[in-house]
Amino acid sequence: MNSGLYAAATALVSRTDALDAVANNLANQSTPGFRARHSTFRATLAQHGNPNLSMLNEDANDYGVLGGTRLDTTQGSLTKTGNPLDIAIEGQGYFQVQTAQGTVYTRAGNFSVSAQGQLVTANGDPVLGEGGAPISIVGQPVSISSDGTISVNGATAGKLGVVDFPANVDLESMGNNYLKAPANTTPAATTATLRQGMIEGSNVNPISGVVELIDAQRSVEEMRRMLSLFSNEMDKTASQDLPHVGQ
């Protein structure tokens, strides 16, 4: 099979996946606490180590593929809301949330109190305290200090369990603005400061995102054209040259 066809096909798959990642970032540019994911690429050498491949053939079989995505952990901007249950993390760290899939993590601090009197996320899942249990809030006013201690009408109701992970740990996006840690990964304490009455915005840069989107779209269209050219060339070979083989 034509090496150019392989290269164009793998490039199309890679750039299509990258396009999806960029589009998802832009779709969440107004989502509180959202953290963008950026595509990473790697090269894979077909038939690597084959002594029968010339240097030219090795270069022709060296394809770029999508290596995955990485989480952008830069801080989003903080906006004052005045809502006492809105909490922003200033610095590195994540809120812990209890879901049916286990404990997950988020930067989105637009919380509320459920009918059961628990502090919950916008998705209705309980926010966990420092000891790993849901936080009960009964009454008002609610005051939250910079270290996460929650007081209701002057009495301590609990403390938010804000944790962080080493820089080499890449959290997996789960949807609903939740992140999941890799198996056997233990979160660590954080020195982040909490800001009551504020919300952290998405860290998506809309201008850079649009530039990435246009670039990915152009790459996808170019690879589609290349595949069409290779397909036409193979059809031509099959219809014109193969019938003459052996004559």
C-alpha atoms as a PDB file:
ATOM      1  CA  MET A   1       0.000   0.000   0.000  1.00  0.00           C
ATOM      2  CA  ASN A   2       1.193   3.524  -0.789  1.00  0.00           C
ATOM      3  CA  SER A   3       3.084   5.056   2.154  1.00  0.00           C
ATOM      4  CA  GLY A   4       1.575   8.431   1.353  1.00  0.00           C
ATOM      5  CA  LEU A   5      -1.872   6.957   1.837  1.00  0.00           C
ATOM      6  CA  TYR A   6      -0.907   5.692   5.308  1.00  0.00           C
ATOM      7  CA  ALA A   7       0.531   9.088   6.235  1.00  0.00           C
ATOM      8  CA  ALA A   8      -2.532  10.986   5.031  1.00  0.00           C
ATOM      9  CA  ALA A   9      -4.913   8.588   6.794  1.00  0.00           C
ATOM     10  CA  THR A  10      -3.118   8.765  10.161  1.00  0.00           C
ATOM     11  CA  ALA A  11      -2.825  12.544   9.865  1.00  0.00           C
ATOM     12  CA  LEU A  12      -6.562  12.801   9.173  1.00  0.00           C
ATOM     13  CA  VAL A  13      -7.405  10.727  12.258  1.00  0.00           C
ATOM     14  CA  SER A  14      -4.992  12.742  14.423  1.00  0.00           C
ATOM     15  CA  ARG A  15      -6.207  16.132  13.281  1.00  0.00           C
ATOM     16  CA  THR A  16      -9.867  15.095  13.554  1.00  0.00           C
ATOM     17  CA  ASP A  17      -9.296  14.080  17.202  1.00  0.00           C
ATOM     18  CA  ALA A  18      -7.456  17.350  17.808  1.00  0.00           C
ATOM     19  CA  LEU A  19     -10.362  19.227  16.226  1.00  0.00           C
ATOM     20  CA  ASP A  20     -12.756  17.558  18.669  1.00  0.00           C
ATOM     21  CA  ALA A  21     -10.571  18.596  21.623  1.00  0.00           C
ATOM     22  CA  VAL A  22     -10.388  22.234  20.489  1.00  0.00           C
ATOM     23  CA  ALA A  23     -14.131  22.368  19.814  1.00  0.00           C
ATOM     24  CA  ASN A  24     -14.843  21.013  23.310  1.00  0.00           C
ATOM     25  CA  ASN A  25     -12.592  23.670  24.842  1.00  0.00           C
ATOM     26  CA  LEU A  26     -14.381  26.477  23.011  1.00  0.00           C
ATOM     27  CA  ALA A  27     -17.794  25.059  23.906  1.00  0.00           C
ATOM     28  CA  ASN A  28     -16.822  25.329  27.595  1.00  0.00           C
ATOM     29  CA  GLN A  29     -15.203  28.758  27.576  1.00  0.00           C
ATOM     30  CA  SER A  30     -18.027  30.053  29.809  1.00  0.00           C
ATOM     31  CA  THR A  31     -18.183  26.988  32.096  1.00  0.00           C
ATOM     32  CA  PRO A  32     -17.094  27.816  35.684  1.00  0.00           C
ATOM     33  CA  GLY A  33     -13.833  26.115  36.669  1.00  0.00           C
ATOM     34  CA  PHE A  34     -13.409  24.384  33.303  1.00  0.00           C
ATOM     35  CA  ARG A  35      -9.844  23.419  32.424  1.00  0.00           C
ATOM     36  CA  ALA A  36      -8.896  23.050  28.786  1.00  0.00           C
ATOM     37  CA  ARG A  37      -7.202  20.023  27.267  1.00  0.00           C
ATOM     38  CA  HIS A  38      -4.515  20.425  24.609  1.00  0.00           C
ATOM     39  CA  SER A  39      -3.523  17.795  22.065  1.00  0.00           C
ATOM     40  CA  THR A  40      -0.079  16.208  22.105  1.00  0.00           C
ATOM     41  CA  PHE A  41       1.428  14.401  19.135  1.00  0.00           C
ATOM     42  CA  ARG A  42       4.031  11.667  18.762  1.00  0.00           C
ATOM     43  CA  ALA A  43       5.639   9.902  15.834  1.00  0.00           C
ATOM     44  CA  THR A  44       5.329   6.196  15.159  1.00  0.00           C
ATOM     45  CA  LEU A  45       7.696   4.461  12.762  1.00  0.00           C
ATOM     46  CA  ALA A  46       6.070   1.691  10.767  1.00  0.00           C
ATOM     47  CA  GLN A  47       8.192  -1.469  10.676  1.00  0.00           C
ATOM     48  CA  HIS A  48      10.812   0.154  12.883  1.00  0.00           C
ATOM     49  CA  GLY A  49      14.075  -1.786  12.861  1.00  0.00           C
ATOM     50  CA  ASN A  50      13.416  -3.530   9.555  1.00  0.00           C
ATOM     51  CA  PRO A  51      16.871  -3.806   7.906  1.00  0.00           C
ATOM     52  CA  ASN A  52      15.232  -3.987   4.481  1.00  0.00           C
ATOM     53  CA  LEU A  53      13.915  -0.430   4.734  1.00  0.00           C
ATOM     54  CA  SER A  54      16.056   2.279   3.182  1.00  0.00           C
ATOM     55  CA  MET A  55      16.394   5.679   4.838  1.00  0.00           C
ATOM     56  CA  LEU A  56      13.920   7.067   2.310  1.00  0.00           C
ATOM     57  CA  ASN A  57      11.406   4.336   3.117  1.00  0.00           C
ATOM     58  CA  GLU A  58      11.825   4.908   6.844  1.00  0.00           C
ATOM     59  CA  ASP A  59      11.109   8.618   6.386  1.00  0.00           C
ATOM     60  CA  ALA A  60       8.069   7.797   4.255  1.00  0.00           C
ATOM     61  CA  ASN A  61       6.766   5.462   6.958  1.00  0.00           C
ATOM     62  CA  ASP A  62       7.293   7.888   9.849  1.00  0.00           C
ATOM     63  CA  TYR A  63       3.747   8.993  10.753  1.00  0.00           C
ATOM     64  CA  GLY A  64       2.538  11.612  13.174  1.00  0.00           C
ATOM     65  CA  VAL A  65      -0.292  10.388  15.408  1.00  0.00           C
ATOM     66  CA  LEU A  66      -2.209  11.897  18.296  1.00  0.00           C
ATOM     67  CA  GLY A  67      -0.439  10.961  21.505  1.00  0.00           C
ATOM     68  CA  GLY A  68      -3.347  12.109  23.663  1.00  0.00           C
ATOM     69  CA  THR A  69      -4.307  15.295  25.439  1.00  0.00           C
ATOM     70  CA  ARG A  70      -2.938  17.042  28.496  1.00  0.00           C
ATOM     71  CA  LEU A  71      -4.825  19.077  31.068  1.00  0.00           C
ATOM     72  CA  ASP A  72      -4.080  22.791  31.183  1.00  0.00           C
ATOM     73  CA  THR A  73      -3.722  23.602  34.885  1.00  0.00           C
ATOM     74  CA  THR A  74      -3.335  27.374  34.574  1.00  0.00           C
ATOM     75  CA  GLN A  75      -5.544  29.497  36.802  1.00  0.00           C
ATOM     76  CA  GLY A  76      -8.792  30.874  35.385  1.00  0.00           C
ATOM     77  CA  SER A  77      -9.905  34.400  36.216  1.00  0.00           C
ATOM     78  CA  LEU A  78     -11.861  34.971  39.438  1.00  0.00           C
ATOM     79  CA  THR A  79     -15.175  36.827  39.296  1.00  0.00           C
ATOM     80  CA  LYS A  80     -17.012  38.221  42.309  1.00  0.00           C
ATOM     81  CA  THR A  81     -20.622  37.010  42.548  1.00  0.00           C
ATOM     82  CA  GLY A  82     -21.605  37.832  46.121  1.00  0.00           C
ATOM     83  CA  ASN A  83     -23.237  34.403  46.484  1.00  0.00           C
ATOM     84  CA  PRO A  84     -22.003  32.932  49.821  1.00  0.00           C
ATOM     85  CA  LEU A  85     -22.038  29.399  48.354  1.00  0.00           C
ATOM     86  CA  ASP A  86     -19.828  30.327  45.401  1.00  0.00           C
ATOM     87  CA  ILE A  87     -16.237  29.369  46.218  1.00  0.00           C
ATOM     88  CA  ALA A  88     -13.167  29.860  44.049  1.00  0.00           C
ATOM     89  CA  ILE A  89      -9.797  28.170  44.479  1.00  0.00           C
ATOM     90  CA  GLU A  90      -6.896  30.575  44.191  1.00  0.00           C
ATOM     91  CA  GLY A  91      -3.830  28.454  43.430  1.00  0.00           C
ATOM     92  CA  GLN A  92      -3.503  24.761  42.648  1.00  0.00           C
ATOM     93  CA  GLY A  93      -6.048  22.287  43.953  1.00  0.00           C
ATOM     94  CA  TYR A  94      -9.440  20.647  43.440  1.00  0.00           C
ATOM     95  CA  PHE A  95     -12.678  20.172  45.317  1.00  0.00           C
ATOM     96  CA  GLN A  96     -13.558  16.545  46.062  1.00  0.00           C
ATOM     97  CA  VAL A  97     -16.970  15.323  44.935  1.00  0.00           C
ATOM     98  CA  GLN A  98     -18.865  12.109  45.656  1.00  0.00           C
ATOM     99  CA  THR A  99     -20.448  10.469  42.581  1.00  0.00           C
ATOM    100  CA  ALA A 100     -21.749   7.054  41.564  1.00  0.00           C
ATOM    101  CA  GLN A 101     -18.366   6.474  39.891  1.00  0.00           C
ATOM    102  CA  GLY A 102     -16.458   7.240  43.079  1.00  0.00           C
ATOM    103  CA  THR A 103     -14.605  10.349  44.205  1.00  0.00           C
ATOM    104  CA  VAL A 104     -13.936  12.855  41.424  1.00  0.00           C
ATOM    105  CA  TYR A 105     -12.428  16.332  41.350  1.00  0.00           C
ATOM    106  CA  THR A 106     -13.462  19.727  40.058  1.00  0.00           C
ATOM    107  CA  ARG A 107     -12.514  23.395  40.062  1.00  0.00           C
ATOM    108  CA  ALA A 108     -16.123  24.501  39.688  1.00  0.00           C
ATOM    109  CA  GLY A 109     -17.196  26.033  42.997  1.00  0.00           C
ATOM    110  CA  ASN A 110     -20.738  27.130  42.106  1.00  0.00           C
ATOM    111  CA  PHE A 111     -22.298  25.165  44.957  1.00  0.00           C
ATOM    112  CA  SER A 112     -25.760  25.061  46.521  1.00  0.00           C
ATOM    113  CA  VAL A 113     -27.519  23.312  49.392  1.00  0.00           C
ATOM    114  CA  SER A 114     -29.704  20.312  48.523  1.00  0.00           C
ATOM    115  CA  ALA A 115     -33.103  19.466  49.975  1.00  0.00           C
ATOM    116  CA  GLN A 116     -31.255  17.043  52.268  1.00  0.00           C
ATOM    117  CA  GLY A 117     -29.145  19.902  53.633  1.00  0.00           C
ATOM    118  CA  GLN A 118     -25.901  18.861  51.898  1.00  0.00           C
ATOM    119  CA  LEU A 119     -23.468  21.093  50.045  1.00  0.00           C
ATOM    120  CA  VAL A 120     -23.664  19.955  46.399  1.00  0.00           C
ATOM    121  CA  THR A 121     -22.220  20.819  43.009  1.00  0.00           C
ATOM    122  CA  ALA A 122     -24.203  22.214  40.071  1.00  0.00           C
ATOM    123  CA  ASN A 123     -24.785  18.561  39.078  1.00  0.00           C
ATOM    124  CA  GLY A 124     -26.319  17.767  42.472  1.00  0.00           C
ATOM    125  CA  ASP A 125     -23.427  15.639  43.760  1.00  0.00           C
ATOM    126  CA  PRO A 126     -22.246  16.013  47.384  1.00  0.00           C
ATOM    127  CA  VAL A 127     -19.095  18.038  47.990  1.00  0.00           C
ATOM    128  CA  LEU A 128     -16.764  16.217  50.371  1.00  0.00           C
ATOM    129  CA  GLY A 129     -15.204  17.648  53.469  1.00  0.00           C
ATOM    130  CA  GLU A 130     -11.666  17.216  54.766  1.00  0.00           C
ATOM    131  CA  GLY A 131     -12.545  13.843  56.306  1.00  0.00           C
ATOM    132  CA  GLY A 132     -14.075  12.505  53.097  1.00  0.00           C
ATOM    133  CA  ALA A 133     -17.726  12.845  54.179  1.00  0.00           C
ATOM    134  CA  PRO A 134     -20.444  15.096  52.698  1.00  0.00           C
ATOM    135  CA  ILE A 135     -20.868  18.499  54.334  1.00  0.00           C
ATOM    136  CA  SER A 136     -24.185  19.315  55.998  1.00  0.00           C
ATOM    137  CA  ILE A 137     -25.346  22.919  56.072  1.00  0.00           C
ATOM    138  CA  VAL A 138     -28.420  23.809  58.107  1.00  0.00           C
ATOM    139  CA  GLY A 139     -29.281  27.443  58.606  1.00  0.00           C
ATOM    140  CA  GLN A 140     -27.566  30.675  57.703  1.00  0.00           C
ATOM    141  CA  PRO A 141     -25.565  32.856  57.362  1.00  0.00           C
ATOM    142  CA  VAL A 142     -22.835  30.687  55.844  1.00  0.00           C
ATOM    143  CA  SER A 143     -19.243  31.818  56.208  1.00  0.00           C
ATOM    144  CA  ILE A 144     -16.275  30.106  54.514  1.00  0.00           C
ATOM    145  CA  SER A 145     -12.741  31.058  55.519  1.00  0.00           C
ATOM    146  CA  SER A 146      -9.699  31.077  53.260  1.00  0.00           C
ATOM    147  CA  ASP A 147      -8.630  27.627  54.534  1.00  0.00           C
ATOM    148  CA  GLY A 148     -12.033  26.094  53.722  1.00  0.00           C
ATOM    149  CA  THR A 149     -13.566  26.068  57.214  1.00  0.00           C
ATOM    150  CA  ILE A 150     -17.346  26.412  56.954  1.00  0.00           C
ATOM    151  CA  SER A 151     -19.326  28.143  59.691  1.00  0.00           C
ATOM    152  CA  VAL A 152     -23.115  28.356  59.862  1.00  0.00           C
ATOM    153  CA  ASN A 153     -24.533  31.024  62.144  1.00  0.00           C
ATOM    154  CA  GLY A 154     -21.212  31.105  63.964  1.00  0.00           C
ATOM    155  CA  ALA A 155     -20.898  27.342  64.499  1.00  0.00           C
ATOM    156  CA  THR A 156     -18.365  25.221  62.570  1.00  0.00           C
ATOM    157  CA  ALA A 157     -20.111  22.902  60.105  1.00  0.00           C
ATOM    158  CA  GLY A 158     -17.063  21.329  58.478  1.00  0.00           C
ATOM    159  CA  LYS A 159     -14.090  22.045  56.273  1.00  0.00           C
ATOM    160  CA  LEU A 160     -13.821  21.677  52.505  1.00  0.00           C
ATOM    161  CA  GLY A 161     -11.496  18.891  51.383  1.00  0.00           C
ATOM    162  CA  VAL A 162      -9.333  20.644  48.805  1.00  0.00           C
ATOM    163  CA  VAL A 163      -6.511  18.484  47.431  1.00  0.00           C
ATOM    164  CA  ASP A 164      -3.896  18.581  44.699  1.00  0.00           C
ATOM    165  CA  PHE A 165      -1.806  16.138  42.644  1.00  0.00           C
ATOM    166  CA  PRO A 166       1.850  16.035  41.560  1.00  0.00           C
ATOM    167  CA  ALA A 167       2.661  17.856  38.314  1.00  0.00           C
ATOM    168  CA  ASN A 168       3.246  14.590  36.444  1.00  0.00           C
ATOM    169  CA  VAL A 169      -0.279  13.292  37.179  1.00  0.00           C
ATOM    170  CA  ASP A 170      -2.671  13.967  34.305  1.00  0.00           C
ATOM    171  CA  LEU A 171      -6.286  13.918  35.436  1.00  0.00           C
ATOM    172  CA  GLU A 172      -8.841  12.416  33.056  1.00  0.00           C
ATOM    173  CA  SER A 173     -11.873  14.431  31.959  1.00  0.00           C
ATOM    174  CA  MET A 174     -15.153  12.653  32.777  1.00  0.00           C
ATOM    175  CA  GLY A 175     -17.762  15.151  31.607  1.00  0.00           C
ATOM    176  CA  ASN A 176     -19.950  17.328  33.848  1.00  0.00           C
ATOM    177  CA  ASN A 177     -16.799  19.364  34.549  1.00  0.00           C
ATOM    178  CA  TYR A 178     -15.394  16.487  36.624  1.00  0.00           C
ATOM    179  CA  LEU A 179     -11.890  15.032  36.583  1.00  0.00           C
ATOM    180  CA  LYS A 180     -10.770  11.560  37.606  1.00  0.00           C
ATOM    181  CA  ALA A 181      -7.373  10.646  39.022  1.00  0.00           C
ATOM    182  CA  PRO A 182      -5.414   7.645  37.678  1.00  0.00           C
ATOM    183  CA  ALA A 183      -5.685   4.427  39.681  1.00  0.00           C
ATOM    184  CA  ASN A 184      -3.467   4.196  42.781  1.00  0.00           C
ATOM    185  CA  THR A 185      -2.893   7.960  42.793  1.00  0.00           C
ATOM    186  CA  THR A 186      -3.043   9.603  46.206  1.00  0.00           C
ATOM    187  CA  PRO A 187      -3.975  13.293  46.392  1.00  0.00           C
ATOM    188  CA  ALA A 188      -1.895  15.582  48.552  1.00  0.00           C
ATOM    189  CA  ALA A 189      -2.679  18.568  50.733  1.00  0.00           C
ATOM    190  CA  THR A 190      -2.643  21.971  49.083  1.00  0.00           C
ATOM    191  CA  THR A 191      -1.821  25.486  50.187  1.00  0.00           C
ATOM    192  CA  ALA A 192      -4.440  27.026  47.904  1.00  0.00           C
ATOM    193  CA  THR A 193      -6.583  29.860  49.216  1.00  0.00           C
ATOM    194  CA  LEU A 194     -10.380  29.754  48.990  1.00  0.00           C
ATOM    195  CA  ARG A 195     -12.384  32.853  48.099  1.00  0.00           C
ATOM    196  CA  GLN A 196     -16.008  32.942  49.225  1.00  0.00           C
ATOM    197  CA  GLY A 197     -18.465  34.773  47.002  1.00  0.00           C
ATOM    198  CA  MET A 198     -16.295  34.299  43.906  1.00  0.00           C
ATOM    199  CA  ILE A 199     -16.230  31.928  40.930  1.00  0.00           C
ATOM    200  CA  GLU A 200     -13.254  30.814  38.871  1.00  0.00           C
ATOM    201  CA  GLY A 201     -13.939  31.054  35.164  1.00  0.00           C
ATOM    202  CA  SER A 202     -12.762  28.707  32.434  1.00  0.00           C
ATOM    203  CA  ASN A 203      -9.057  28.916  31.560  1.00  0.00           C
ATOM    204  CA  VAL A 204      -9.830  28.596  27.829  1.00  0.00           C
ATOM    205  CA  ASN A 205      -8.276  31.404  25.785  1.00  0.00           C
ATOM    206  CA  PRO A 206     -10.945  32.047  23.122  1.00  0.00           C
ATOM    207  CA  ILE A 207      -8.555  33.761  20.699  1.00  0.00           C
ATOM    208  CA  SER A 208      -5.967  30.978  20.829  1.00  0.00           C
ATOM    209  CA  GLY A 209      -8.794  28.440  20.663  1.00  0.00           C
ATOM    210  CA  VAL A 210     -10.206  29.914  17.454  1.00  0.00           C
ATOM    211  CA  VAL A 211      -6.727  29.938  15.883  1.00  0.00           C
ATOM    212  CA  GLU A 212      -6.269  26.261  16.863  1.00  0.00           C
ATOM    213  CA  LEU A 213      -9.717  25.440  15.500  1.00  0.00           C
ATOM    214  CA  ILE A 214      -9.040  27.042  12.125  1.00  0.00           C
ATOM    215  CA  ASP A 215      -5.650  25.335  11.870  1.00  0.00           C
ATOM    216  CA  ALA A 216      -7.130  21.927  12.692  1.00  0.00           C
ATOM    217  CA  GLN A 217     -10.001  22.404  10.242  1.00  0.00           C
ATOM    218  CA  ARG A 218      -7.587  23.318   7.450  1.00  0.00           C
ATOM    219  CA  SER A 219      -5.421  20.301   8.228  1.00  0.00           C
ATOM    220  CA  VAL A 220      -8.430  17.988   8.157  1.00  0.00           C
ATOM    221  CA  GLU A 221      -9.570  19.319   4.775  1.00  0.00           C
ATOM    222  CA  GLU A 222      -6.048  19.055   3.361  1.00  0.00           C
ATOM    223  CA  MET A 223      -5.722  15.436   4.462  1.00  0.00           C
ATOM    224  CA  ARG A 224      -9.112  14.629   2.959  1.00  0.00           C
ATOM    225  CA  ARG A 225      -7.952  16.068  -0.361  1.00  0.00           C
ATOM    226  CA  MET A 226      -4.736  14.060  -0.160  1.00  0.00           C
ATOM    227  CA  LEU A 227      -6.650  10.838   0.496  1.00  0.00           C
ATOM    228  CA  SER A 228      -8.871  11.579  -2.479  1.00  0.00           C
ATOM    229  CA  LEU A 229      -5.825  12.094  -4.702  1.00  0.00           C
ATOM    230  CA  PHE A 230      -4.220   8.843  -3.552  1.00  0.00           C
ATOM    231  CA  SER A 231      -7.500   6.988  -4.031  1.00  0.00           C
ATOM    232  CA  ASN A 232      -7.866   8.334  -7.565  1.00  0.00           C
ATOM    233  CA  GLU A 233      -4.269   7.392  -8.359  1.00  0.00           C
ATOM    234  CA  MET A 234      -4.805   3.843  -7.074  1.00  0.00           C
ATOM    235  CA  ASP A 235      -8.014   3.519  -9.111  1.00  0.00           C
ATOM    236  CA  LYS A 236      -6.099   4.667 -12.179  1.00  0.00           C
ATOM    237  CA  THR A 237      -3.356   2.118 -11.550  1.00  0.00           C
ATOM    238  CA  ALA A 238      -5.896  -0.654 -11.055  1.00  0.00           C
ATOM    239  CA  SER A 239      -7.818   0.160 -14.230  1.00  0.00           C
ATOM    240  CA  GLN A 240      -4.935   1.031 -16.569  1.00  0.00           C
ATOM    241  CA  ASP A 241      -1.743  -0.658 -15.421  1.00  0.00           C
ATOM    242  CA  LEU A 242      -2.792  -3.956 -13.805  1.00  0.00           C
ATOM    243  CA  PRO A 243      -4.462  -5.341 -16.939  1.00  0.00           C
ATOM    244  CA  HIS A 244      -1.086  -5.109 -18.715  1.00  0.00           C
ATOM    245  CA  VAL A 245       0.848  -7.028 -16.042  1.00  0.00           C
ATOM    246  CA  GLY A 246       2.235 -10.272 -17.439  1.00  0.00           C
ATOM    247  CA  GLN A 247       1.643  -9.321 -21.067  1.00  0.00           C
END
